[in-house]
Every structure is written in structure tokens, then in C-alpha cells.
Amino acid sequence: MAELSIQLTRKQQELLLRGLRFVRSSVALDMQNFSDAVQQQRQDQYAEIAAVESMVSDAKIVEPAGV
């Protein structure tokens, strides 16, 4: 994944992290016939979600003026 620098407010960060938890849950609850391919696909999706979650967690927090 390419390096990306982002700035978020605390509220934006919390919103994105909450959304990523929802996405991870939807991957876990996706009802598919189990196979090694499905399991591998799910693991790949978890890894992608974790990478984005790490990027959002590490984002520089900025506060709007006047806060």
C-alpha cells in the first residue's frame, strides 16, 4: 500500500474507525459455503482492513480553529 499522510479531527478519526469495525463485522458475518479459497479471501480482507485501520489510527489529529 502506498504511503499516505492524512490529517483528521478526532471526530473524523472515530467515525472512520467505527466504520472499519462495521466493515470487519460484515466480512465475518458474510455467509458463504466454507472453502479454503473463501477463508483465504476473508483473511486478505481482514489484512486490508487492518492496514487502513492502522493508517487512520496513526493519522495526525488536527483541531479546528476555535475549539
PDB file of N, CA and C in Angstrom:
ATOM      1  N   MET A   1       0.859  -1.174   0.000  1.00  0.00           N
ATOM      2  CA  MET A   1       0.000   0.000   0.000  1.00  0.00           C
ATOM      3  C   MET A   1       0.902   1.232   0.000  1.00  0.00           C
ATOM      4  N   ALA A   2       0.563   2.210  -0.776  1.00  0.00           N
ATOM      5  CA  ALA A   2       1.356   3.436  -0.876  1.00  0.00           C
ATOM      6  C   ALA A   2       1.272   4.233   0.423  1.00  0.00           C
ATOM      7  N   GLU A   3       2.342   4.925   0.735  1.00  0.00           N
ATOM      8  CA  GLU A   3       2.395   5.774   1.929  1.00  0.00           C
ATOM      9  C   GLU A   3       1.469   6.965   1.732  1.00  0.00           C
ATOM     10  N   LEU A   4       0.682   7.259   2.740  1.00  0.00           N
ATOM     11  CA  LEU A   4      -0.270   8.351   2.656  1.00  0.00           C
ATOM     12  C   LEU A   4      -0.293   9.084   3.987  1.00  0.00           C
ATOM     13  N   SER A   5      -0.215  10.391   3.926  1.00  0.00           N
ATOM     14  CA  SER A   5      -0.274  11.207   5.128  1.00  0.00           C
ATOM     15  C   SER A   5      -1.638  11.881   5.166  1.00  0.00           C
ATOM     16  N   ILE A   6      -2.366  11.677   6.262  1.00  0.00           N
ATOM     17  CA  ILE A   6      -3.690  12.289   6.374  1.00  0.00           C
ATOM     18  C   ILE A   6      -3.807  13.039   7.693  1.00  0.00           C
ATOM     19  N   GLN A   7      -4.648  14.053   7.679  1.00  0.00           N
ATOM     20  CA  GLN A   7      -4.955  14.810   8.887  1.00  0.00           C
ATOM     21  C   GLN A   7      -6.456  14.714   9.115  1.00  0.00           C
ATOM     22  N   LEU A   8      -6.830  14.376  10.328  1.00  0.00           N
ATOM     23  CA  LEU A   8      -8.230  14.212  10.690  1.00  0.00           C
ATOM     24  C   LEU A   8      -8.505  14.911  12.004  1.00  0.00           C
ATOM     25  N   THR A   9      -9.757  15.296  12.193  1.00  0.00           N
ATOM     26  CA  THR A   9     -10.156  15.715  13.529  1.00  0.00           C
ATOM     27  C   THR A   9     -10.405  14.438  14.326  1.00  0.00           C
ATOM     28  N   ARG A  10     -10.427  14.547  15.625  1.00  0.00           N
ATOM     29  CA  ARG A  10     -10.685  13.381  16.484  1.00  0.00           C
ATOM     30  C   ARG A  10     -12.034  12.747  16.108  1.00  0.00           C
ATOM     31  N   LYS A  11     -13.032  13.578  15.838  1.00  0.00           N
ATOM     32  CA  LYS A  11     -14.361  13.073  15.479  1.00  0.00           C
ATOM     33  C   LYS A  11     -14.319  12.291  14.163  1.00  0.00           C
ATOM     34  N   GLN A  12     -13.577  12.805  13.176  1.00  0.00           N
ATOM     35  CA  GLN A  12     -13.448  12.106  11.891  1.00  0.00           C
ATOM     36  C   GLN A  12     -12.742  10.766  12.087  1.00  0.00           C
ATOM     37  N   GLN A  13     -11.705  10.761  12.899  1.00  0.00           N
ATOM     38  CA  GLN A  13     -10.964   9.531  13.156  1.00  0.00           C
ATOM     39  C   GLN A  13     -11.878   8.492  13.807  1.00  0.00           C
ATOM     40  N   GLU A  14     -12.628   8.897  14.813  1.00  0.00           N
ATOM     41  CA  GLU A  14     -13.527   7.976  15.493  1.00  0.00           C
ATOM     42  C   GLU A  14     -14.594   7.435  14.545  1.00  0.00           C
ATOM     43  N   LEU A  15     -15.113   8.294  13.681  1.00  0.00           N
ATOM     44  CA  LEU A  15     -16.124   7.883  12.708  1.00  0.00           C
ATOM     45  C   LEU A  15     -15.552   6.843  11.739  1.00  0.00           C
ATOM     46  N   LEU A  16     -14.362   7.086  11.232  1.00  0.00           N
ATOM     47  CA  LEU A  16     -13.737   6.140  10.314  1.00  0.00           C
ATOM     48  C   LEU A  16     -13.417   4.810  10.996  1.00  0.00           C
ATOM     49  N   LEU A  17     -12.912   4.857  12.215  1.00  0.00           N
ATOM     50  CA  LEU A  17     -12.605   3.617  12.926  1.00  0.00           C
ATOM     51  C   LEU A  17     -13.876   2.821  13.214  1.00  0.00           C
ATOM     52  N   ARG A  18     -14.959   3.510  13.560  1.00  0.00           N
ATOM     53  CA  ARG A  18     -16.250   2.830  13.791  1.00  0.00           C
ATOM     54  C   ARG A  18     -16.729   2.168  12.500  1.00  0.00           C
ATOM     55  N   GLY A  19     -16.577   2.874  11.383  1.00  0.00           N
ATOM     56  CA  GLY A  19     -16.970   2.304  10.094  1.00  0.00           C
ATOM     57  C   GLY A  19     -16.147   1.085   9.731  1.00  0.00           C
ATOM     58  N   LEU A  20     -14.848   1.124  10.018  1.00  0.00           N
ATOM     59  CA  LEU A  20     -13.997  -0.024   9.727  1.00  0.00           C
ATOM     60  C   LEU A  20     -14.358  -1.230  10.592  1.00  0.00           C
ATOM     61  N   ARG A  21     -14.776  -1.004  11.828  1.00  0.00           N
ATOM     62  CA  ARG A  21     -15.247  -2.118  12.675  1.00  0.00           C
ATOM     63  C   ARG A  21     -16.495  -2.739  12.059  1.00  0.00           C
ATOM     64  N   PHE A  22     -17.384  -1.899  11.522  1.00  0.00           N
ATOM     65  CA  PHE A  22     -18.583  -2.388  10.862  1.00  0.00           C
ATOM     66  C   PHE A  22     -18.219  -3.224   9.635  1.00  0.00           C
ATOM     67  N   VAL A  23     -17.270  -2.741   8.849  1.00  0.00           N
ATOM     68  CA  VAL A  23     -16.838  -3.471   7.652  1.00  0.00           C
ATOM     69  C   VAL A  23     -16.246  -4.821   8.047  1.00  0.00           C
ATOM     70  N   ARG A  24     -15.398  -4.839   9.079  1.00  0.00           N
ATOM     71  CA  ARG A  24     -14.802  -6.099   9.540  1.00  0.00           C
ATOM     72  C   ARG A  24     -15.892  -7.071   9.990  1.00  0.00           C
ATOM     73  N   SER A  25     -16.908  -6.564  10.689  1.00  0.00           N
ATOM     74  CA  SER A  25     -18.014  -7.420  11.121  1.00  0.00           C
ATOM     75  C   SER A  25     -18.781  -7.978   9.932  1.00  0.00           C
ATOM     76  N   SER A  26     -18.976  -7.158   8.905  1.00  0.00           N
ATOM     77  CA  SER A  26     -19.711  -7.641   7.737  1.00  0.00           C
ATOM     78  C   SER A  26     -18.930  -8.743   7.013  1.00  0.00           C
ATOM     79  N   VAL A  27     -17.610  -8.644   7.001  1.00  0.00           N
ATOM     80  CA  VAL A  27     -16.792  -9.708   6.404  1.00  0.00           C
ATOM     81  C   VAL A  27     -16.966 -10.983   7.223  1.00  0.00           C
ATOM     82  N   ALA A  28     -16.928 -10.853   8.539  1.00  0.00           N
ATOM     83  CA  ALA A  28     -17.057 -12.025   9.408  1.00  0.00           C
ATOM     84  C   ALA A  28     -18.428 -12.679   9.288  1.00  0.00           C
ATOM     85  N   LEU A  29     -19.460 -11.888   9.073  1.00  0.00           N
ATOM     86  CA  LEU A  29     -20.826 -12.410   9.032  1.00  0.00           C
ATOM     87  C   LEU A  29     -21.284 -12.807   7.637  1.00  0.00           C
ATOM     88  N   ASP A  30     -20.449 -12.581   6.630  1.00  0.00           N
ATOM     89  CA  ASP A  30     -20.809 -12.944   5.260  1.00  0.00           C
ATOM     90  C   ASP A  30     -20.960 -14.460   5.172  1.00  0.00           C
ATOM     91  N   MET A  31     -22.169 -14.902   4.864  1.00  0.00           N
ATOM     92  CA  MET A  31     -22.472 -16.333   4.825  1.00  0.00           C
ATOM     93  C   MET A  31     -22.111 -16.903   3.452  1.00  0.00           C
ATOM     94  N   GLN A  32     -21.027 -17.626   3.409  1.00  0.00           N
ATOM     95  CA  GLN A  32     -20.602 -18.310   2.194  1.00  0.00           C
ATOM     96  C   GLN A  32     -20.300 -19.755   2.556  1.00  0.00           C
ATOM     97  N   ASN A  33     -20.438 -20.629   1.590  1.00  0.00           N
ATOM     98  CA  ASN A  33     -20.032 -22.010   1.819  1.00  0.00           C
ATOM     99  C   ASN A  33     -18.539 -22.020   2.091  1.00  0.00           C
ATOM    100  N   PHE A  34     -18.145 -22.632   3.181  1.00  0.00           N
ATOM    101  CA  PHE A  34     -16.744 -22.608   3.582  1.00  0.00           C
ATOM    102  C   PHE A  34     -15.882 -23.372   2.588  1.00  0.00           C
ATOM    103  N   SER A  35     -14.767 -22.780   2.261  1.00  0.00           N
ATOM    104  CA  SER A  35     -13.733 -23.440   1.464  1.00  0.00           C
ATOM    105  C   SER A  35     -12.417 -22.748   1.802  1.00  0.00           C
ATOM    106  N   ASP A  36     -11.324 -23.361   1.384  1.00  0.00           N
ATOM    107  CA  ASP A  36     -10.020 -22.737   1.618  1.00  0.00           C
ATOM    108  C   ASP A  36      -9.922 -21.402   0.894  1.00  0.00           C
ATOM    109  N   ALA A  37     -10.512 -21.313  -0.297  1.00  0.00           N
ATOM    110  CA  ALA A  37     -10.479 -20.068  -1.067  1.00  0.00           C
ATOM    111  C   ALA A  37     -11.257 -18.969  -0.352  1.00  0.00           C
ATOM    112  N   VAL A  38     -12.418 -19.305   0.186  1.00  0.00           N
ATOM    113  CA  VAL A  38     -13.226 -18.328   0.924  1.00  0.00           C
ATOM    114  C   VAL A  38     -12.477 -17.876   2.164  1.00  0.00           C
ATOM    115  N   GLN A  39     -11.863 -18.812   2.866  1.00  0.00           N
ATOM    116  CA  GLN A  39     -11.091 -18.474   4.067  1.00  0.00           C
ATOM    117  C   GLN A  39      -9.931 -17.556   3.724  1.00  0.00           C
ATOM    118  N   GLN A  40      -9.226 -17.841   2.628  1.00  0.00           N
ATOM    119  CA  GLN A  40      -8.100 -17.005   2.220  1.00  0.00           C
ATOM    120  C   GLN A  40      -8.576 -15.604   1.832  1.00  0.00           C
ATOM    121  N   GLN A  41      -9.689 -15.539   1.117  1.00  0.00           N
ATOM    122  CA  GLN A  41     -10.253 -14.243   0.723  1.00  0.00           C
ATOM    123  C   GLN A  41     -10.608 -13.428   1.964  1.00  0.00           C
ATOM    124  N   ARG A  42     -11.204 -14.080   2.945  1.00  0.00           N
ATOM    125  CA  ARG A  42     -11.580 -13.403   4.185  1.00  0.00           C
ATOM    126  C   ARG A  42     -10.338 -12.894   4.915  1.00  0.00           C
ATOM    127  N   GLN A  43      -9.293 -13.716   4.982  1.00  0.00           N
ATOM    128  CA  GLN A  43      -8.055 -13.294   5.638  1.00  0.00           C
ATOM    129  C   GLN A  43      -7.424 -12.107   4.913  1.00  0.00           C
ATOM    130  N   ASP A  44      -7.482 -12.124   3.589  1.00  0.00           N
ATOM    131  CA  ASP A  44      -6.963 -10.998   2.807  1.00  0.00           C
ATOM    132  C   ASP A  44      -7.743  -9.719   3.100  1.00  0.00           C
ATOM    133  N   GLN A  45      -9.063  -9.844   3.210  1.00  0.00           N
ATOM    134  CA  GLN A  45      -9.891  -8.677   3.510  1.00  0.00           C
ATOM    135  C   GLN A  45      -9.579  -8.142   4.908  1.00  0.00           C
ATOM    136  N   TYR A  46      -9.413  -9.038   5.873  1.00  0.00           N
ATOM    137  CA  TYR A  46      -9.044  -8.607   7.227  1.00  0.00           C
ATOM    138  C   TYR A  46      -7.722  -7.848   7.221  1.00  0.00           C
ATOM    139  N   ALA A  47      -6.759  -8.334   6.440  1.00  0.00           N
ATOM    140  CA  ALA A  47      -5.457  -7.669   6.371  1.00  0.00           C
ATOM    141  C   ALA A  47      -5.587  -6.277   5.759  1.00  0.00           C
ATOM    142  N   GLU A  48      -6.398  -6.146   4.720  1.00  0.00           N
ATOM    143  CA  GLU A  48      -6.610  -4.835   4.101  1.00  0.00           C
ATOM    144  C   GLU A  48      -7.288  -3.878   5.069  1.00  0.00           C
ATOM    145  N   ILE A  49      -8.279  -4.369   5.788  1.00  0.00           N
ATOM    146  CA  ILE A  49      -8.986  -3.541   6.772  1.00  0.00           C
ATOM    147  C   ILE A  49      -8.021  -3.109   7.870  1.00  0.00           C
ATOM    148  N   ALA A  50      -7.192  -4.027   8.344  1.00  0.00           N
ATOM    149  CA  ALA A  50      -6.224  -3.710   9.397  1.00  0.00           C
ATOM    150  C   ALA A  50      -5.232  -2.649   8.929  1.00  0.00           C
ATOM    151  N   ALA A  51      -4.822  -2.712   7.675  1.00  0.00           N
ATOM    152  CA  ALA A  51      -3.886  -1.725   7.148  1.00  0.00           C
ATOM    153  C   ALA A  51      -4.517  -0.334   7.130  1.00  0.00           C
ATOM    154  N   VAL A  52      -5.761  -0.247   6.700  1.00  0.00           N
ATOM    155  CA  VAL A  52      -6.452   1.051   6.670  1.00  0.00           C
ATOM    156  C   VAL A  52      -6.695   1.532   8.098  1.00  0.00           C
ATOM    157  N   GLU A  53      -7.076   0.614   8.984  1.00  0.00           N
ATOM    158  CA  GLU A  53      -7.304   0.971  10.380  1.00  0.00           C
ATOM    159  C   GLU A  53      -6.026   1.532  11.014  1.00  0.00           C
ATOM    160  N   SER A  54      -4.895   0.934  10.708  1.00  0.00           N
ATOM    161  CA  SER A  54      -3.621   1.418  11.223  1.00  0.00           C
ATOM    162  C   SER A  54      -3.323   2.822  10.702  1.00  0.00           C
ATOM    163  N   MET A  55      -3.582   3.045   9.431  1.00  0.00           N
ATOM    164  CA  MET A  55      -3.340   4.350   8.830  1.00  0.00           C
ATOM    165  C   MET A  55      -4.221   5.421   9.489  1.00  0.00           C
ATOM    166  N   VAL A  56      -5.485   5.086   9.729  1.00  0.00           N
ATOM    167  CA  VAL A  56      -6.408   6.042  10.355  1.00  0.00           C
ATOM    168  C   VAL A  56      -6.006   6.283  11.809  1.00  0.00           C
ATOM    169  N   SER A  57      -5.622   5.214  12.508  1.00  0.00           N
ATOM    170  CA  SER A  57      -5.212   5.352  13.909  1.00  0.00           C
ATOM    171  C   SER A  57      -3.967   6.216  14.053  1.00  0.00           C
ATOM    172  N   ASP A  58      -3.072   6.140  13.068  1.00  0.00           N
ATOM    173  CA  ASP A  58      -1.823   6.881  13.109  1.00  0.00           C
ATOM    174  C   ASP A  58      -1.935   8.279  12.504  1.00  0.00           C
ATOM    175  N   ALA A  59      -3.116   8.642  12.033  1.00  0.00           N
ATOM    176  CA  ALA A  59      -3.303   9.941  11.376  1.00  0.00           C
ATOM    177  C   ALA A  59      -3.021  11.084  12.352  1.00  0.00           C
ATOM    178  N   LYS A  60      -2.489  12.170  11.827  1.00  0.00           N
ATOM    179  CA  LYS A  60      -2.263  13.348  12.631  1.00  0.00           C
ATOM    180  C   LYS A  60      -3.621  13.958  12.975  1.00  0.00           C
ATOM    181  N   ILE A  61      -3.839  14.206  14.254  1.00  0.00           N
ATOM    182  CA  ILE A  61      -5.091  14.782  14.713  1.00  0.00           C
ATOM    183  C   ILE A  61      -4.955  16.289  14.701  1.00  0.00           C
ATOM    184  N   VAL A  62      -5.889  16.960  14.040  1.00  0.00           N
ATOM    185  CA  VAL A  62      -5.919  18.419  13.995  1.00  0.00           C
ATOM    186  C   VAL A  62      -7.236  18.879  14.601  1.00  0.00           C
ATOM    187  N   GLU A  63      -7.183  19.958  15.281  1.00  0.00           N
ATOM    188  CA  GLU A  63      -8.398  20.535  15.863  1.00  0.00           C
ATOM    189  C   GLU A  63      -8.771  21.792  15.072  1.00  0.00           C
ATOM    190  N   PRO A  64     -10.042  21.917  14.725  1.00  0.00           N
ATOM    191  CA  PRO A  64     -10.471  23.123  14.006  1.00  0.00           C
ATOM    192  C   PRO A  64     -10.223  24.369  14.853  1.00  0.00           C
ATOM    193  N   ALA A  65     -10.002  25.480  14.204  1.00  0.00           N
ATOM    194  CA  ALA A  65      -9.783  26.756  14.897  1.00  0.00           C
ATOM    195  C   ALA A  65     -10.980  27.079  15.780  1.00  0.00           C
ATOM    196  N   GLY A  66     -10.705  27.573  16.949  1.00  0.00           N
ATOM    197  CA  GLY A  66     -11.774  27.958  17.864  1.00  0.00           C
ATOM    198  C   GLY A  66     -12.296  26.849  18.743  1.00  0.00           C
ATOM    199  N   VAL A  67     -11.609  25.693  18.733  1.00  0.00           N
ATOM    200  CA  VAL A  67     -12.067  24.574  19.582  1.00  0.00           C
ATOM    201  C   VAL A  67     -11.171  24.466  20.776  1.00  0.00           C
TER     202      VAL A  67
END
